[in-house]
N, C-alpha and C. Protein backbone atom coordinates (compact mmCIF):
# COMPACT_ATOMS: atom_id res chain seq x y z
N MET A 1 176.04 32.51 27.62
CA MET A 1 177.27 31.75 27.57
C MET A 1 178.28 32.33 28.57
N LEU A 2 178.39 33.64 28.61
CA LEU A 2 179.31 34.28 29.53
C LEU A 2 178.95 33.97 30.97
N GLN A 3 177.64 33.96 31.25
CA GLN A 3 177.17 33.67 32.60
C GLN A 3 177.53 32.25 33.01
N SER A 4 177.33 31.28 32.12
CA SER A 4 177.67 29.89 32.46
C SER A 4 179.18 29.72 32.64
N ASN A 5 179.98 30.43 31.86
CA ASN A 5 181.44 30.36 32.04
C ASN A 5 181.85 30.96 33.38
N LEU A 6 181.21 32.05 33.76
CA LEU A 6 181.51 32.68 35.03
C LEU A 6 181.18 31.73 36.19
N LEU A 7 180.03 31.09 36.10
CA LEU A 7 179.65 30.12 37.14
C LEU A 7 180.61 28.94 37.17
N SER A 8 180.92 28.41 36.00
CA SER A 8 181.83 27.26 35.94
C SER A 8 183.20 27.61 36.51
N ASN A 9 183.67 28.82 36.23
CA ASN A 9 184.97 29.24 36.75
C ASN A 9 184.94 29.47 38.26
N SER A 10 183.74 29.63 38.81
CA SER A 10 183.59 29.90 40.25
C SER A 10 183.18 28.67 41.05
N LYS A 11 183.23 27.50 40.45
CA LYS A 11 182.79 26.28 41.13
C LYS A 11 183.51 26.06 42.45
N GLY A 12 184.80 26.27 42.46
CA GLY A 12 185.58 26.06 43.69
C GLY A 12 185.15 27.00 44.80
N LEU A 13 184.95 28.25 44.46
CA LEU A 13 184.51 29.24 45.45
C LEU A 13 183.11 28.92 45.96
N ILE A 14 182.23 28.54 45.05
CA ILE A 14 180.85 28.20 45.43
C ILE A 14 180.86 26.98 46.37
N ALA A 15 181.62 25.97 46.02
CA ALA A 15 181.71 24.76 46.86
C ALA A 15 182.26 25.09 48.24
N GLU A 16 183.26 25.95 48.28
CA GLU A 16 183.85 26.34 49.57
C GLU A 16 182.85 27.12 50.41
N GLU A 17 182.15 28.07 49.81
CA GLU A 17 181.19 28.89 50.55
C GLU A 17 180.00 28.07 51.06
N LEU A 18 179.58 27.08 50.26
CA LEU A 18 178.45 26.25 50.65
C LEU A 18 178.87 25.05 51.49
N ASN A 19 180.17 24.87 51.64
CA ASN A 19 180.72 23.75 52.39
C ASN A 19 180.24 22.41 51.83
N VAL A 20 180.39 22.27 50.51
CA VAL A 20 180.04 21.02 49.83
C VAL A 20 181.26 20.55 49.04
N LYS A 21 181.26 19.27 48.71
CA LYS A 21 182.40 18.70 47.98
C LYS A 21 182.32 18.98 46.49
N GLN A 22 181.10 19.03 45.96
CA GLN A 22 180.94 19.15 44.51
C GLN A 22 179.78 20.07 44.18
N VAL A 23 179.93 20.87 43.13
CA VAL A 23 178.86 21.74 42.63
C VAL A 23 178.51 21.25 41.24
N VAL A 24 177.22 20.99 41.03
CA VAL A 24 176.76 20.50 39.73
C VAL A 24 175.71 21.48 39.22
N PHE A 25 175.87 21.94 37.99
CA PHE A 25 174.89 22.83 37.37
C PHE A 25 173.97 22.01 36.48
N SER A 26 172.70 22.36 36.49
CA SER A 26 171.72 21.62 35.70
C SER A 26 170.76 22.60 35.05
N LYS A 27 170.36 22.30 33.84
CA LYS A 27 169.35 23.13 33.17
C LYS A 27 167.94 22.63 33.47
N ASP A 28 167.84 21.47 34.11
CA ASP A 28 166.55 20.87 34.45
C ASP A 28 166.15 21.28 35.86
N GLU A 29 165.48 22.44 35.98
CA GLU A 29 165.11 22.93 37.32
C GLU A 29 164.09 22.04 38.00
N ASP A 30 163.26 21.35 37.22
CA ASP A 30 162.24 20.49 37.82
C ASP A 30 162.85 19.36 38.67
N SER A 31 164.09 19.02 38.40
CA SER A 31 164.72 17.95 39.17
C SER A 31 165.16 18.41 40.56
N VAL A 32 165.23 19.72 40.79
CA VAL A 32 165.69 20.22 42.09
C VAL A 32 164.72 21.19 42.76
N VAL A 33 163.64 21.56 42.08
CA VAL A 33 162.70 22.55 42.62
C VAL A 33 161.29 21.98 42.65
N THR A 34 160.60 22.20 43.74
CA THR A 34 159.20 21.82 43.85
C THR A 34 158.40 23.06 44.23
N LEU A 35 157.44 23.43 43.40
CA LEU A 35 156.61 24.59 43.69
C LEU A 35 155.40 24.17 44.51
N SER A 36 155.02 25.01 45.45
CA SER A 36 153.81 24.76 46.23
C SER A 36 153.21 26.10 46.62
N ALA A 37 151.93 26.08 46.91
CA ALA A 37 151.23 27.29 47.33
C ALA A 37 150.49 26.98 48.63
N LYS A 38 150.68 27.85 49.61
CA LYS A 38 149.98 27.69 50.88
C LYS A 38 149.32 29.01 51.22
N PRO A 39 148.06 28.95 51.63
CA PRO A 39 147.36 30.20 51.96
C PRO A 39 147.83 30.78 53.28
N ASN A 40 147.80 32.08 53.37
CA ASN A 40 148.08 32.79 54.62
C ASN A 40 146.74 32.95 55.33
N PHE A 41 146.44 32.03 56.24
CA PHE A 41 145.13 32.00 56.89
C PHE A 41 144.84 33.28 57.66
N LYS A 42 145.86 33.87 58.27
CA LYS A 42 145.65 35.07 59.07
C LYS A 42 145.12 36.22 58.20
N LYS A 43 145.70 36.39 57.03
CA LYS A 43 145.28 37.48 56.15
C LYS A 43 144.03 37.12 55.35
N LEU A 44 144.02 35.93 54.77
CA LEU A 44 142.91 35.56 53.89
C LEU A 44 141.66 35.18 54.67
N GLY A 45 141.82 34.74 55.92
CA GLY A 45 140.67 34.40 56.74
C GLY A 45 139.76 35.60 56.93
N LYS A 46 140.34 36.77 57.08
CA LYS A 46 139.55 38.00 57.22
C LYS A 46 138.77 38.30 55.94
N LEU A 47 139.36 37.95 54.81
CA LEU A 47 138.73 38.23 53.52
C LEU A 47 137.66 37.20 53.16
N PHE A 48 137.95 35.91 53.36
CA PHE A 48 137.03 34.86 52.93
C PHE A 48 136.11 34.35 54.03
N GLY A 49 136.43 34.60 55.28
CA GLY A 49 135.57 34.19 56.39
C GLY A 49 135.28 32.70 56.38
N ALA A 50 134.01 32.34 56.40
CA ALA A 50 133.59 30.94 56.47
C ALA A 50 133.98 30.14 55.23
N LYS A 51 134.27 30.82 54.14
CA LYS A 51 134.65 30.14 52.89
C LYS A 51 136.16 29.91 52.79
N MET A 52 136.88 30.17 53.87
CA MET A 52 138.34 30.06 53.84
C MET A 52 138.81 28.65 53.54
N LYS A 53 138.13 27.62 54.05
CA LYS A 53 138.55 26.24 53.78
C LYS A 53 138.45 25.93 52.28
N ASP A 54 137.39 26.42 51.64
CA ASP A 54 137.25 26.22 50.19
C ASP A 54 138.35 26.96 49.44
N ALA A 55 138.62 28.18 49.86
CA ALA A 55 139.68 28.97 49.23
C ALA A 55 141.04 28.29 49.42
N ALA A 56 141.29 27.74 50.60
CA ALA A 56 142.57 27.08 50.88
C ALA A 56 142.78 25.89 49.95
N LYS A 57 141.75 25.09 49.73
CA LYS A 57 141.87 23.94 48.82
C LYS A 57 142.23 24.40 47.42
N ILE A 58 141.59 25.47 46.97
CA ILE A 58 141.86 25.98 45.62
C ILE A 58 143.27 26.55 45.53
N ILE A 59 143.69 27.28 46.55
CA ILE A 59 145.04 27.86 46.56
C ILE A 59 146.10 26.77 46.54
N GLU A 60 145.90 25.71 47.31
CA GLU A 60 146.87 24.62 47.35
C GLU A 60 146.94 23.88 46.02
N ALA A 61 145.88 23.94 45.22
CA ALA A 61 145.87 23.28 43.92
C ALA A 61 146.36 24.21 42.80
N LEU A 62 146.66 25.46 43.11
CA LEU A 62 147.07 26.42 42.09
C LEU A 62 148.36 26.06 41.39
N VAL A 63 149.34 25.60 42.13
CA VAL A 63 150.67 25.42 41.55
C VAL A 63 150.68 24.42 40.40
N PRO A 64 150.11 23.22 40.54
CA PRO A 64 150.14 22.33 39.38
C PRO A 64 149.46 22.94 38.16
N ALA A 65 148.37 23.64 38.38
CA ALA A 65 147.63 24.22 37.26
C ALA A 65 148.34 25.43 36.67
N GLY A 66 148.97 26.23 37.50
CA GLY A 66 149.56 27.47 37.02
C GLY A 66 151.07 27.50 36.99
N SER A 67 151.70 26.34 37.14
CA SER A 67 153.16 26.34 37.24
C SER A 67 153.83 26.83 35.96
N MET A 68 153.25 26.56 34.82
CA MET A 68 153.86 27.03 33.57
C MET A 68 153.86 28.55 33.51
N CYS A 69 152.77 29.18 33.96
CA CYS A 69 152.72 30.64 34.00
C CYS A 69 153.75 31.18 34.98
N LEU A 70 153.86 30.54 36.13
CA LEU A 70 154.82 30.98 37.13
C LEU A 70 156.25 30.86 36.61
N LYS A 71 156.53 29.78 35.91
CA LYS A 71 157.87 29.57 35.37
C LYS A 71 158.23 30.63 34.35
N LYS A 72 157.23 31.08 33.60
CA LYS A 72 157.46 32.09 32.57
C LYS A 72 157.41 33.51 33.13
N GLY A 73 157.16 33.63 34.44
CA GLY A 73 157.12 34.93 35.07
C GLY A 73 155.83 35.69 34.82
N LYS A 74 154.80 34.98 34.40
CA LYS A 74 153.51 35.62 34.12
C LYS A 74 152.58 35.45 35.30
N GLN A 75 151.58 36.31 35.37
CA GLN A 75 150.57 36.20 36.40
C GLN A 75 149.47 35.25 35.94
N SER A 76 148.84 34.60 36.90
CA SER A 76 147.70 33.74 36.61
C SER A 76 146.50 34.28 37.36
N THR A 77 145.36 34.23 36.74
CA THR A 77 144.12 34.66 37.39
C THR A 77 143.22 33.45 37.49
N TYR A 78 142.64 33.27 38.67
CA TYR A 78 141.77 32.12 38.91
C TYR A 78 140.41 32.63 39.33
N SER A 79 139.39 32.24 38.60
CA SER A 79 138.03 32.69 38.94
C SER A 79 137.32 31.68 39.82
N ALA A 80 137.98 30.58 40.17
CA ALA A 80 137.32 29.55 40.97
C ALA A 80 137.31 29.86 42.46
N LEU A 81 138.01 30.91 42.88
CA LEU A 81 138.01 31.25 44.30
C LEU A 81 136.63 31.69 44.74
N PRO A 82 136.21 31.28 45.92
CA PRO A 82 134.89 31.70 46.40
C PRO A 82 134.87 33.20 46.65
N SER A 83 133.72 33.79 46.49
CA SER A 83 133.58 35.23 46.72
C SER A 83 133.96 35.56 48.15
N ALA A 84 134.60 36.68 48.33
CA ALA A 84 134.99 37.11 49.67
C ALA A 84 133.74 37.45 50.46
N SER A 85 133.84 37.24 51.77
CA SER A 85 132.68 37.56 52.62
C SER A 85 132.49 39.07 52.68
N THR A 86 131.27 39.49 52.90
CA THR A 86 130.98 40.93 52.90
C THR A 86 130.85 41.47 54.30
N THR A 87 131.24 40.65 55.32
CA THR A 87 131.14 41.12 56.70
C THR A 87 132.37 41.88 57.10
């Protein structure tokens, strides 16, 4: 409650700093945030090698499946990733 009062009392300062006319607070983060996952090909390519395209598809699909865990600040483990190359 104290935090929301502090933010509400700072609306004018926030609007001025962001150069916007109005500041609106919302408890519905889904209306303003979109989660996505993109693989780092440079780093993961070395690990997955020829299976990198399969790994990329799985990584890009992680967010819809694991978004609830991410929102709660928990880690998610996925066993569907292809085994890393041994070269």
